Amino acid sequence: MNRGGWSWKRQLGVTSAKRRVSRATGIPWTKSGRQRKVGAAFWKLFK
């Protein structure tokens, strides 16, 4: 488990690149984020 400190992903800019892509497209990067977004849209249809 990482408790802070150095991260190779942060060092190479992977984290910020993923964040920029997610914000630009409006689609979450993580699987759980995508599922949450789809689920919320699904329930809005039936309200």
PDB file of N, CA and C in Angstrom:
ATOM      1  N   MET A   1       0.846  -1.172   0.000  1.00  0.00           N
ATOM      2  CA  MET A   1       0.000   0.000   0.000  1.00  0.00           C
ATOM      3  C   MET A   1       0.893   1.237   0.000  1.00  0.00           C
ATOM      4  N   ASN A   2       0.530   2.198  -0.813  1.00  0.00           N
ATOM      5  CA  ASN A   2       1.287   3.438  -0.886  1.00  0.00           C
ATOM      6  C   ASN A   2       0.738   4.437   0.122  1.00  0.00           C
ATOM      7  N   ARG A   3       1.591   4.903   0.997  1.00  0.00           N
ATOM      8  CA  ARG A   3       1.168   5.858   2.027  1.00  0.00           C
ATOM      9  C   ARG A   3       1.726   7.253   1.741  1.00  0.00           C
ATOM     10  N   GLY A   4       1.828   7.594   0.480  1.00  0.00           N
ATOM     11  CA  GLY A   4       2.358   8.899   0.109  1.00  0.00           C
ATOM     12  C   GLY A   4       3.793   8.778  -0.367  1.00  0.00           C
ATOM     13  N   GLY A   5       4.323   9.858  -0.835  1.00  0.00           N
ATOM     14  CA  GLY A   5       5.689   9.847  -1.317  1.00  0.00           C
ATOM     15  C   GLY A   5       5.756   9.849  -2.829  1.00  0.00           C
ATOM     16  N   TRP A   6       6.799   9.247  -3.362  1.00  0.00           N
ATOM     17  CA  TRP A   6       7.054   9.275  -4.791  1.00  0.00           C
ATOM     18  C   TRP A   6       6.181   8.286  -5.547  1.00  0.00           C
ATOM     19  N   SER A   7       5.695   8.702  -6.706  1.00  0.00           N
ATOM     20  CA  SER A   7       4.896   7.848  -7.557  1.00  0.00           C
ATOM     21  C   SER A   7       5.387   7.993  -8.987  1.00  0.00           C
ATOM     22  N   TRP A   8       5.706   6.884  -9.630  1.00  0.00           N
ATOM     23  CA  TRP A   8       6.214   6.963 -11.009  1.00  0.00           C
ATOM     24  C   TRP A   8       5.130   7.449 -11.954  1.00  0.00           C
ATOM     25  N   LYS A   9       3.868   7.130 -11.660  1.00  0.00           N
ATOM     26  CA  LYS A   9       2.773   7.599 -12.522  1.00  0.00           C
ATOM     27  C   LYS A   9       2.645   9.117 -12.443  1.00  0.00           C
ATOM     28  N   ARG A  10       2.751   9.655 -11.225  1.00  0.00           N
ATOM     29  CA  ARG A  10       2.698  11.107 -11.085  1.00  0.00           C
ATOM     30  C   ARG A  10       3.916  11.756 -11.709  1.00  0.00           C
ATOM     31  N   GLN A  11       5.071  11.115 -11.560  1.00  0.00           N
ATOM     32  CA  GLN A  11       6.311  11.657 -12.109  1.00  0.00           C
ATOM     33  C   GLN A  11       6.234  11.779 -13.635  1.00  0.00           C
ATOM     34  N   LEU A  12       5.627  10.792 -14.293  1.00  0.00           N
ATOM     35  CA  LEU A  12       5.524  10.796 -15.755  1.00  0.00           C
ATOM     36  C   LEU A  12       4.313  11.575 -16.260  1.00  0.00           C
ATOM     37  N   GLY A  13       3.444  12.006 -15.368  1.00  0.00           N
ATOM     38  CA  GLY A  13       2.287  12.795 -15.753  1.00  0.00           C
ATOM     39  C   GLY A  13       1.079  11.972 -16.150  1.00  0.00           C
ATOM     40  N   VAL A  14       1.076  10.690 -15.802  1.00  0.00           N
ATOM     41  CA  VAL A  14      -0.046   9.820 -16.158  1.00  0.00           C
ATOM     42  C   VAL A  14      -1.314  10.275 -15.456  1.00  0.00           C
ATOM     43  N   THR A  15      -1.210  10.602 -14.186  1.00  0.00           N
ATOM     44  CA  THR A  15      -2.375  10.997 -13.400  1.00  0.00           C
ATOM     45  C   THR A  15      -3.026  12.252 -13.964  1.00  0.00           C
ATOM     46  N   SER A  16      -2.224  13.263 -14.265  1.00  0.00           N
ATOM     47  CA  SER A  16      -2.801  14.508 -14.777  1.00  0.00           C
ATOM     48  C   SER A  16      -3.350  14.321 -16.188  1.00  0.00           C
ATOM     49  N   ALA A  17      -2.730  13.458 -16.984  1.00  0.00           N
ATOM     50  CA  ALA A  17      -3.237  13.199 -18.336  1.00  0.00           C
ATOM     51  C   ALA A  17      -4.607  12.536 -18.275  1.00  0.00           C
ATOM     52  N   LYS A  18      -4.768  11.568 -17.376  1.00  0.00           N
ATOM     53  CA  LYS A  18      -6.058  10.902 -17.222  1.00  0.00           C
ATOM     54  C   LYS A  18      -7.116  11.898 -16.771  1.00  0.00           C
ATOM     55  N   ARG A  19      -6.740  12.779 -15.859  1.00  0.00           N
ATOM     56  CA  ARG A  19      -7.686  13.776 -15.362  1.00  0.00           C
ATOM     57  C   ARG A  19      -8.102  14.733 -16.484  1.00  0.00           C
ATOM     58  N   ARG A  20      -7.144  15.156 -17.315  1.00  0.00           N
ATOM     59  CA  ARG A  20      -7.473  16.054 -18.427  1.00  0.00           C
ATOM     60  C   ARG A  20      -8.413  15.385 -19.427  1.00  0.00           C
ATOM     61  N   VAL A  21      -8.155  14.115 -19.741  1.00  0.00           N
ATOM     62  CA  VAL A  21      -9.013  13.391 -20.676  1.00  0.00           C
ATOM     63  C   VAL A  21     -10.423  13.265 -20.115  1.00  0.00           C
ATOM     64  N   SER A  22     -10.527  12.918 -18.841  1.00  0.00           N
ATOM     65  CA  SER A  22     -11.837  12.749 -18.217  1.00  0.00           C
ATOM     66  C   SER A  22     -12.626  14.053 -18.217  1.00  0.00           C
ATOM     67  N   ARG A  23     -11.968  15.140 -17.901  1.00  0.00           N
ATOM     68  CA  ARG A  23     -12.665  16.421 -17.855  1.00  0.00           C
ATOM     69  C   ARG A  23     -13.065  16.884 -19.248  1.00  0.00           C
ATOM     70  N   ALA A  24     -12.217  16.640 -20.237  1.00  0.00           N
ATOM     71  CA  ALA A  24     -12.515  17.091 -21.597  1.00  0.00           C
ATOM     72  C   ALA A  24     -13.668  16.310 -22.215  1.00  0.00           C
ATOM     73  N   THR A  25     -13.728  15.010 -21.957  1.00  0.00           N
ATOM     74  CA  THR A  25     -14.756  14.175 -22.570  1.00  0.00           C
ATOM     75  C   THR A  25     -16.005  14.058 -21.719  1.00  0.00           C
ATOM     76  N   GLY A  26     -15.881  14.294 -20.422  1.00  0.00           N
ATOM     77  CA  GLY A  26     -17.019  14.133 -19.526  1.00  0.00           C
ATOM     78  C   GLY A  26     -17.265  12.685 -19.144  1.00  0.00           C
ATOM     79  N   ILE A  27     -16.327  11.811 -19.506  1.00  0.00           N
ATOM     80  CA  ILE A  27     -16.451  10.388 -19.200  1.00  0.00           C
ATOM     81  C   ILE A  27     -15.410  10.023 -18.145  1.00  0.00           C
ATOM     82  N   PRO A  28     -15.825   9.452 -17.026  1.00  0.00           N
ATOM     83  CA  PRO A  28     -14.868   9.075 -15.986  1.00  0.00           C
ATOM     84  C   PRO A  28     -13.858   8.039 -16.476  1.00  0.00           C
ATOM     85  N   TRP A  29     -12.642   8.090 -15.944  1.00  0.00           N
ATOM     86  CA  TRP A  29     -11.574   7.186 -16.357  1.00  0.00           C
ATOM     87  C   TRP A  29     -11.719   5.806 -15.729  1.00  0.00           C
ATOM     88  N   THR A  30     -12.197   5.756 -14.491  1.00  0.00           N
ATOM     89  CA  THR A  30     -12.251   4.489 -13.767  1.00  0.00           C
ATOM     90  C   THR A  30     -13.505   3.701 -14.134  1.00  0.00           C
ATOM     91  N   LYS A  31     -13.414   2.402 -13.973  1.00  0.00           N
ATOM     92  CA  LYS A  31     -14.550   1.528 -14.267  1.00  0.00           C
ATOM     93  C   LYS A  31     -15.730   1.866 -13.373  1.00  0.00           C
ATOM     94  N   SER A  32     -15.469   2.054 -12.083  1.00  0.00           N
ATOM     95  CA  SER A  32     -16.567   2.353 -11.158  1.00  0.00           C
ATOM     96  C   SER A  32     -17.185   3.712 -11.475  1.00  0.00           C
ATOM     97  N   GLY A  33     -16.387   4.661 -11.913  1.00  0.00           N
ATOM     98  CA  GLY A  33     -16.916   5.970 -12.285  1.00  0.00           C
ATOM     99  C   GLY A  33     -17.816   5.889 -13.505  1.00  0.00           C
ATOM    100  N   ARG A  34     -17.411   5.094 -14.492  1.00  0.00           N
ATOM    101  CA  ARG A  34     -18.247   4.909 -15.680  1.00  0.00           C
ATOM    102  C   ARG A  34     -19.550   4.212 -15.327  1.00  0.00           C
ATOM    103  N   GLN A  35     -19.477   3.193 -14.470  1.00  0.00           N
ATOM    104  CA  GLN A  35     -20.684   2.483 -14.058  1.00  0.00           C
ATOM    105  C   GLN A  35     -21.627   3.406 -13.301  1.00  0.00           C
ATOM    106  N   ARG A  36     -21.073   4.251 -12.440  1.00  0.00           N
ATOM    107  CA  ARG A  36     -21.888   5.186 -11.665  1.00  0.00           C
ATOM    108  C   ARG A  36     -22.584   6.174 -12.594  1.00  0.00           C
ATOM    109  N   LYS A  37     -21.866   6.660 -13.610  1.00  0.00           N
ATOM    110  CA  LYS A  37     -22.446   7.620 -14.543  1.00  0.00           C
ATOM    111  C   LYS A  37     -23.564   6.979 -15.365  1.00  0.00           C
ATOM    112  N   VAL A  38     -23.349   5.768 -15.841  1.00  0.00           N
ATOM    113  CA  VAL A  38     -24.366   5.059 -16.619  1.00  0.00           C
ATOM    114  C   VAL A  38     -25.582   4.752 -15.748  1.00  0.00           C
ATOM    115  N   GLY A  39     -25.335   4.329 -14.520  1.00  0.00           N
ATOM    116  CA  GLY A  39     -26.436   4.020 -13.609  1.00  0.00           C
ATOM    117  C   GLY A  39     -27.279   5.243 -13.299  1.00  0.00           C
ATOM    118  N   ALA A  40     -26.640   6.379 -13.096  1.00  0.00           N
ATOM    119  CA  ALA A  40     -27.377   7.610 -12.805  1.00  0.00           C
ATOM    120  C   ALA A  40     -28.221   8.015 -14.001  1.00  0.00           C
ATOM    121  N   ALA A  41     -27.683   7.883 -15.198  1.00  0.00           N
ATOM    122  CA  ALA A  41     -28.438   8.231 -16.405  1.00  0.00           C
ATOM    123  C   ALA A  41     -29.614   7.277 -16.592  1.00  0.00           C
ATOM    124  N   PHE A  42     -29.410   6.012 -16.280  1.00  0.00           N
ATOM    125  CA  PHE A  42     -30.456   5.012 -16.419  1.00  0.00           C
ATOM    126  C   PHE A  42     -31.635   5.330 -15.502  1.00  0.00           C
ATOM    127  N   TRP A  43     -31.334   5.682 -14.243  1.00  0.00           N
ATOM    128  CA  TRP A  43     -32.412   5.949 -13.285  1.00  0.00           C
ATOM    129  C   TRP A  43     -33.130   7.250 -13.594  1.00  0.00           C
ATOM    130  N   LYS A  44     -32.463   8.196 -14.254  1.00  0.00           N
ATOM    131  CA  LYS A  44     -33.127   9.449 -14.635  1.00  0.00           C
ATOM    132  C   LYS A  44     -34.213   9.192 -15.668  1.00  0.00           C
ATOM    133  N   LEU A  45     -34.035   8.144 -16.469  1.00  0.00           N
ATOM    134  CA  LEU A  45     -35.035   7.822 -17.496  1.00  0.00           C
ATOM    135  C   LEU A  45     -36.368   7.417 -16.877  1.00  0.00           C
ATOM    136  N   PHE A  46     -36.323   6.792 -15.696  1.00  0.00           N
ATOM    137  CA  PHE A  46     -37.533   6.239 -15.094  1.00  0.00           C
ATOM    138  C   PHE A  46     -38.112   7.102 -13.984  1.00  0.00           C
ATOM    139  N   LYS A  47     -37.581   8.288 -13.795  1.00  0.00           N
ATOM    140  CA  LYS A  47     -38.130   9.181 -12.762  1.00  0.00           C
ATOM    141  C   LYS A  47     -39.206  10.046 -13.336  1.00  0.00           C
TER     142      LYS A  47
END
